[in-house]
């Protein structure tokens, strides 16, 4: 991984994106989507994640977050590891999952052959964290996160997308609470 894509400042605010292997549209199923929401809520309550913006797309996730424990790398590693195991478990046990065999085969094919401790690879291995260093960069990333469903043609306006903090920012019903980012000026 390039030096440019690491958590250099553990106390900083970060923009991060991560996707499923082969960009598989896993989060189009509500059961998997809510598993991600539950895990993010758990991280906020029990893992000191400060979550300021999010968007859960069908095949990837954008977060604007900070680790109050100054351990962003550990936080994301644990989040991805836990959600991967839980999602695989849910795929295996979901009687309505018509894509079960195909999904498991795709996730099995992507496992690094050097890793003998796992059978499936659900998330792409890279995260590309970007440290937020200014108010301008903060605004740009929030706009990027919230405009993602619009750019993908899923909605006309950001706050129409149910699975985004754009609804929180617009003071509409949202699927998850976020932390107050303060005044952006």
C-alpha atoms as a PDB file:
ATOM      1  CA  UNK A   1       0.000   0.000   0.000  1.00  0.00           C
ATOM      2  CA  UNK A   2       1.226   3.456  -0.857  1.00  0.00           C
ATOM      3  CA  UNK A   3       2.443   5.705   1.936  1.00  0.00           C
ATOM      4  CA  UNK A   4      -0.192   8.220   0.816  1.00  0.00           C
ATOM      5  CA  UNK A   5      -2.992   5.859   1.871  1.00  0.00           C
ATOM      6  CA  UNK A   6      -2.322   5.265   5.548  1.00  0.00           C
ATOM      7  CA  UNK A   7      -3.572   6.699   8.806  1.00  0.00           C
ATOM      8  CA  UNK A   8      -0.594   8.956   9.567  1.00  0.00           C
ATOM      9  CA  UNK A   9      -2.221  11.119  12.242  1.00  0.00           C
ATOM     10  CA  UNK A  10      -4.204   8.903  14.646  1.00  0.00           C
ATOM     11  CA  UNK A  11      -6.131  11.853  16.104  1.00  0.00           C
ATOM     12  CA  UNK A  12      -7.263  13.237  12.736  1.00  0.00           C
ATOM     13  CA  UNK A  13     -10.606  13.243  10.999  1.00  0.00           C
ATOM     14  CA  UNK A  14     -10.630  10.899   7.978  1.00  0.00           C
ATOM     15  CA  UNK A  15     -12.605  10.278   4.826  1.00  0.00           C
ATOM     16  CA  UNK A  16     -12.545   6.620   3.889  1.00  0.00           C
ATOM     17  CA  UNK A  17     -14.161   4.412   1.269  1.00  0.00           C
ATOM     18  CA  UNK A  18     -14.203   0.665   0.983  1.00  0.00           C
ATOM     19  CA  UNK A  19     -15.974  -1.666  -1.397  1.00  0.00           C
ATOM     20  CA  UNK A  20     -16.996  -5.270  -1.687  1.00  0.00           C
ATOM     21  CA  UNK A  21     -14.815  -7.498  -3.849  1.00  0.00           C
ATOM     22  CA  UNK A  22     -15.685  -7.193  -7.537  1.00  0.00           C
ATOM     23  CA  UNK A  23     -18.016  -4.354  -6.504  1.00  0.00           C
ATOM     24  CA  UNK A  24     -20.736  -6.909  -5.758  1.00  0.00           C
ATOM     25  CA  UNK A  25     -24.029  -5.191  -4.921  1.00  0.00           C
ATOM     26  CA  UNK A  26     -24.535  -6.750  -1.520  1.00  0.00           C
ATOM     27  CA  UNK A  27     -26.252  -3.846   0.264  1.00  0.00           C
ATOM     28  CA  UNK A  28     -29.226  -3.826  -2.064  1.00  0.00           C
ATOM     29  CA  UNK A  29     -30.597  -6.431   0.374  1.00  0.00           C
ATOM     30  CA  UNK A  30     -32.035  -4.766   3.470  1.00  0.00           C
ATOM     31  CA  UNK A  31     -30.861  -7.509   5.833  1.00  0.00           C
ATOM     32  CA  UNK A  32     -27.206  -6.825   4.903  1.00  0.00           C
ATOM     33  CA  UNK A  33     -27.672  -3.079   4.850  1.00  0.00           C
ATOM     34  CA  UNK A  34     -29.073  -3.062   8.396  1.00  0.00           C
ATOM     35  CA  UNK A  35     -26.229  -5.259   9.584  1.00  0.00           C
ATOM     36  CA  UNK A  36     -23.830  -2.491   8.469  1.00  0.00           C
ATOM     37  CA  UNK A  37     -25.977   0.163  10.199  1.00  0.00           C
ATOM     38  CA  UNK A  38     -26.022  -1.886  13.407  1.00  0.00           C
ATOM     39  CA  UNK A  39     -22.236  -2.325  13.317  1.00  0.00           C
ATOM     40  CA  UNK A  40     -21.625   1.383  12.716  1.00  0.00           C
ATOM     41  CA  UNK A  41     -23.972   2.229  15.592  1.00  0.00           C
ATOM     42  CA  UNK A  42     -22.130  -0.260  17.801  1.00  0.00           C
ATOM     43  CA  UNK A  43     -18.782   1.321  16.880  1.00  0.00           C
ATOM     44  CA  UNK A  44     -20.148   4.747  17.814  1.00  0.00           C
ATOM     45  CA  UNK A  45     -21.381   3.524  21.197  1.00  0.00           C
ATOM     46  CA  UNK A  46     -18.658   1.050  22.184  1.00  0.00           C
ATOM     47  CA  UNK A  47     -15.562   1.631  20.037  1.00  0.00           C
ATOM     48  CA  UNK A  48     -15.256   5.431  20.288  1.00  0.00           C
ATOM     49  CA  UNK A  49     -16.037   6.050  16.615  1.00  0.00           C
ATOM     50  CA  UNK A  50     -17.091   9.606  15.933  1.00  0.00           C
ATOM     51  CA  UNK A  51     -19.141   9.390  12.745  1.00  0.00           C
ATOM     52  CA  UNK A  52     -19.825  12.680  10.961  1.00  0.00           C
ATOM     53  CA  UNK A  53     -21.076  11.569   7.536  1.00  0.00           C
ATOM     54  CA  UNK A  54     -21.803   8.300   5.774  1.00  0.00           C
ATOM     55  CA  UNK A  55     -23.291   6.824   2.640  1.00  0.00           C
ATOM     56  CA  UNK A  56     -23.926   3.133   2.153  1.00  0.00           C
ATOM     57  CA  UNK A  57     -24.154   2.420  -1.550  1.00  0.00           C
ATOM     58  CA  UNK A  58     -25.144  -0.987  -2.947  1.00  0.00           C
ATOM     59  CA  UNK A  59     -21.485  -2.075  -3.230  1.00  0.00           C
ATOM     60  CA  UNK A  60     -19.389   0.369  -1.222  1.00  0.00           C
ATOM     61  CA  UNK A  61     -19.352   2.607   1.833  1.00  0.00           C
ATOM     62  CA  UNK A  62     -18.118   6.151   2.435  1.00  0.00           C
ATOM     63  CA  UNK A  63     -17.409   7.386   5.958  1.00  0.00           C
ATOM     64  CA  UNK A  64     -16.208  10.620   7.481  1.00  0.00           C
ATOM     65  CA  UNK A  65     -15.028   9.620  10.930  1.00  0.00           C
ATOM     66  CA  UNK A  66     -12.531   9.993  13.733  1.00  0.00           C
ATOM     67  CA  UNK A  67     -11.344   7.535  16.371  1.00  0.00           C
ATOM     68  CA  UNK A  68     -11.676   9.135  19.819  1.00  0.00           C
ATOM     69  CA  UNK A  69      -9.127   6.544  20.986  1.00  0.00           C
ATOM     70  CA  UNK A  70      -6.656   7.671  18.293  1.00  0.00           C
ATOM     71  CA  UNK A  71      -6.750   4.224  16.669  1.00  0.00           C
ATOM     72  CA  UNK A  72      -8.432   4.710  13.269  1.00  0.00           C
ATOM     73  CA  UNK A  73      -6.597   1.826  11.618  1.00  0.00           C
ATOM     74  CA  UNK A  74      -7.604  -0.642  14.349  1.00  0.00           C
ATOM     75  CA  UNK A  75     -11.175   0.641  14.292  1.00  0.00           C
ATOM     76  CA  UNK A  76     -11.598   0.136  10.536  1.00  0.00           C
ATOM     77  CA  UNK A  77      -9.754  -3.202  10.610  1.00  0.00           C
ATOM     78  CA  UNK A  78     -12.072  -4.476  13.342  1.00  0.00           C
ATOM     79  CA  UNK A  79     -15.164  -3.084  11.617  1.00  0.00           C
ATOM     80  CA  UNK A  80     -14.310  -4.718   8.296  1.00  0.00           C
ATOM     81  CA  UNK A  81     -13.318  -8.008   9.936  1.00  0.00           C
ATOM     82  CA  UNK A  82     -16.445  -8.240  12.059  1.00  0.00           C
ATOM     83  CA  UNK A  83     -18.847  -7.190   9.304  1.00  0.00           C
ATOM     84  CA  UNK A  84     -17.227  -9.603   6.873  1.00  0.00           C
ATOM     85  CA  UNK A  85     -17.780 -12.546   9.224  1.00  0.00           C
ATOM     86  CA  UNK A  86     -21.327 -11.473  10.074  1.00  0.00           C
ATOM     87  CA  UNK A  87     -22.292 -10.854   6.444  1.00  0.00           C
ATOM     88  CA  UNK A  88     -20.945 -14.254   5.343  1.00  0.00           C
ATOM     89  CA  UNK A  89     -22.845 -15.882   8.207  1.00  0.00           C
ATOM     90  CA  UNK A  90     -26.030 -14.037   7.190  1.00  0.00           C
ATOM     91  CA  UNK A  91     -25.609 -14.966   3.522  1.00  0.00           C
ATOM     92  CA  UNK A  92     -25.233 -18.627   4.468  1.00  0.00           C
ATOM     93  CA  UNK A  93     -28.312 -18.645   6.718  1.00  0.00           C
ATOM     94  CA  UNK A  94     -30.630 -16.368   4.728  1.00  0.00           C
ATOM     95  CA  UNK A  95     -33.293 -18.641   3.170  1.00  0.00           C
ATOM     96  CA  UNK A  96     -34.319 -15.850   0.769  1.00  0.00           C
ATOM     97  CA  UNK A  97     -30.812 -15.310  -0.628  1.00  0.00           C
ATOM     98  CA  UNK A  98     -31.113 -16.452  -4.241  1.00  0.00           C
ATOM     99  CA  UNK A  99     -27.467 -15.569  -4.924  1.00  0.00           C
ATOM    100  CA  UNK A 100     -25.982 -17.566  -2.000  1.00  0.00           C
ATOM    101  CA  UNK A 101     -23.778 -19.972  -3.964  1.00  0.00           C
ATOM    102  CA  UNK A 102     -22.596 -17.295  -6.375  1.00  0.00           C
ATOM    103  CA  UNK A 103     -21.796 -14.807  -3.564  1.00  0.00           C
ATOM    104  CA  UNK A 104     -19.880 -17.364  -1.508  1.00  0.00           C
ATOM    105  CA  UNK A 105     -17.949 -18.534  -4.570  1.00  0.00           C
ATOM    106  CA  UNK A 106     -17.019 -14.923  -5.454  1.00  0.00           C
ATOM    107  CA  UNK A 107     -15.891 -14.186  -1.897  1.00  0.00           C
ATOM    108  CA  UNK A 108     -13.964 -17.459  -1.755  1.00  0.00           C
ATOM    109  CA  UNK A 109     -12.143 -16.797  -5.035  1.00  0.00           C
ATOM    110  CA  UNK A 110     -10.783 -13.477  -3.747  1.00  0.00           C
ATOM    111  CA  UNK A 111      -9.040 -14.860  -0.676  1.00  0.00           C
ATOM    112  CA  UNK A 112      -5.316 -14.221  -0.651  1.00  0.00           C
ATOM    113  CA  UNK A 113      -3.742 -17.662  -1.035  1.00  0.00           C
ATOM    114  CA  UNK A 114      -1.090 -16.687   1.539  1.00  0.00           C
ATOM    115  CA  UNK A 115      -3.811 -16.260   4.185  1.00  0.00           C
ATOM    116  CA  UNK A 116      -4.631 -19.683   5.599  1.00  0.00           C
ATOM    117  CA  UNK A 117      -6.787 -18.227   8.408  1.00  0.00           C
ATOM    118  CA  UNK A 118      -9.759 -17.230   6.273  1.00  0.00           C
ATOM    119  CA  UNK A 119     -11.984 -18.814   3.691  1.00  0.00           C
ATOM    120  CA  UNK A 120     -13.726 -15.709   2.327  1.00  0.00           C
ATOM    121  CA  UNK A 121     -12.741 -12.175   1.306  1.00  0.00           C
ATOM    122  CA  UNK A 122     -15.785  -9.902   1.358  1.00  0.00           C
ATOM    123  CA  UNK A 123     -14.146  -6.458   1.386  1.00  0.00           C
ATOM    124  CA  UNK A 124     -11.492  -5.224  -0.982  1.00  0.00           C
ATOM    125  CA  UNK A 125      -8.266  -5.026   1.053  1.00  0.00           C
ATOM    126  CA  UNK A 126      -7.566  -1.298   0.623  1.00  0.00           C
ATOM    127  CA  UNK A 127      -9.275   1.624   2.348  1.00  0.00           C
ATOM    128  CA  UNK A 128      -7.611   4.768   0.964  1.00  0.00           C
ATOM    129  CA  UNK A 129      -8.019   6.967   4.067  1.00  0.00           C
ATOM    130  CA  UNK A 130      -7.698  10.681   3.380  1.00  0.00           C
ATOM    131  CA  UNK A 131      -6.931  12.985   6.284  1.00  0.00           C
ATOM    132  CA  UNK A 132      -9.174  16.054   6.458  1.00  0.00           C
ATOM    133  CA  UNK A 133      -6.901  19.033   7.008  1.00  0.00           C
ATOM    134  CA  UNK A 134      -9.162  22.047   6.363  1.00  0.00           C
ATOM    135  CA  UNK A 135     -12.753  23.256   6.425  1.00  0.00           C
ATOM    136  CA  UNK A 136     -12.709  23.334   2.613  1.00  0.00           C
ATOM    137  CA  UNK A 137     -11.607  19.698   2.428  1.00  0.00           C
ATOM    138  CA  UNK A 138     -14.264  18.802   4.985  1.00  0.00           C
ATOM    139  CA  UNK A 139     -17.014  20.443   2.930  1.00  0.00           C
ATOM    140  CA  UNK A 140     -15.744  18.806  -0.252  1.00  0.00           C
ATOM    141  CA  UNK A 141     -15.811  15.317   1.276  1.00  0.00           C
ATOM    142  CA  UNK A 142     -19.262  15.781   2.828  1.00  0.00           C
ATOM    143  CA  UNK A 143     -20.580  16.935  -0.551  1.00  0.00           C
ATOM    144  CA  UNK A 144     -18.880  13.995  -2.266  1.00  0.00           C
ATOM    145  CA  UNK A 145     -20.395  11.521   0.206  1.00  0.00           C
ATOM    146  CA  UNK A 146     -23.879  12.996  -0.083  1.00  0.00           C
ATOM    147  CA  UNK A 147     -23.778  13.425  -3.873  1.00  0.00           C
ATOM    148  CA  UNK A 148     -22.666   9.835  -4.494  1.00  0.00           C
ATOM    149  CA  UNK A 149     -26.227   8.420  -4.876  1.00  0.00           C
ATOM    150  CA  UNK A 150     -27.162  11.339  -7.135  1.00  0.00           C
ATOM    151  CA  UNK A 151     -24.142  10.709  -9.366  1.00  0.00           C
ATOM    152  CA  UNK A 152     -25.059   7.004  -9.474  1.00  0.00           C
ATOM    153  CA  UNK A 153     -28.565   7.901 -10.674  1.00  0.00           C
ATOM    154  CA  UNK A 154     -30.294   6.447  -7.610  1.00  0.00           C
ATOM    155  CA  UNK A 155     -31.982   9.712  -6.544  1.00  0.00           C
ATOM    156  CA  UNK A 156     -32.406  13.262  -7.791  1.00  0.00           C
ATOM    157  CA  UNK A 157     -31.370  15.028  -4.562  1.00  0.00           C
ATOM    158  CA  UNK A 158     -28.966  13.821  -1.843  1.00  0.00           C
ATOM    159  CA  UNK A 159     -31.493  13.848   1.023  1.00  0.00           C
ATOM    160  CA  UNK A 160     -33.772  11.498  -0.947  1.00  0.00           C
ATOM    161  CA  UNK A 161     -31.303   8.644  -0.445  1.00  0.00           C
ATOM    162  CA  UNK A 162     -32.350   6.773   2.683  1.00  0.00           C
ATOM    163  CA  UNK A 163     -28.896   5.324   3.427  1.00  0.00           C
ATOM    164  CA  UNK A 164     -26.951   8.568   3.723  1.00  0.00           C
ATOM    165  CA  UNK A 165     -26.262  11.176   6.360  1.00  0.00           C
ATOM    166  CA  UNK A 166     -27.584  13.752   3.885  1.00  0.00           C
ATOM    167  CA  UNK A 167     -30.902  13.060   5.623  1.00  0.00           C
ATOM    168  CA  UNK A 168     -29.329  13.886   9.001  1.00  0.00           C
ATOM    169  CA  UNK A 169     -27.921  17.127   7.594  1.00  0.00           C
ATOM    170  CA  UNK A 170     -31.371  18.004   6.172  1.00  0.00           C
ATOM    171  CA  UNK A 171     -32.918  17.207   9.582  1.00  0.00           C
ATOM    172  CA  UNK A 172     -35.073  14.409   8.146  1.00  0.00           C
ATOM    173  CA  UNK A 173     -35.666  10.927   9.539  1.00  0.00           C
ATOM    174  CA  UNK A 174     -32.442   8.996   9.171  1.00  0.00           C
ATOM    175  CA  UNK A 175     -31.492   5.345   9.622  1.00  0.00           C
ATOM    176  CA  UNK A 176     -28.684   6.202  12.017  1.00  0.00           C
ATOM    177  CA  UNK A 177     -27.510   8.988  14.280  1.00  0.00           C
ATOM    178  CA  UNK A 178     -24.311  10.844  13.512  1.00  0.00           C
ATOM    179  CA  UNK A 179     -22.080  13.027  15.630  1.00  0.00           C
ATOM    180  CA  UNK A 180     -22.281  16.798  15.482  1.00  0.00           C
ATOM    181  CA  UNK A 181     -19.527  18.118  13.271  1.00  0.00           C
ATOM    182  CA  UNK A 182     -20.029  21.670  14.519  1.00  0.00           C
ATOM    183  CA  UNK A 183     -20.291  24.838  12.535  1.00  0.00           C
ATOM    184  CA  UNK A 184     -18.787  24.632   9.059  1.00  0.00           C
ATOM    185  CA  UNK A 185     -18.769  28.392   8.494  1.00  0.00           C
END
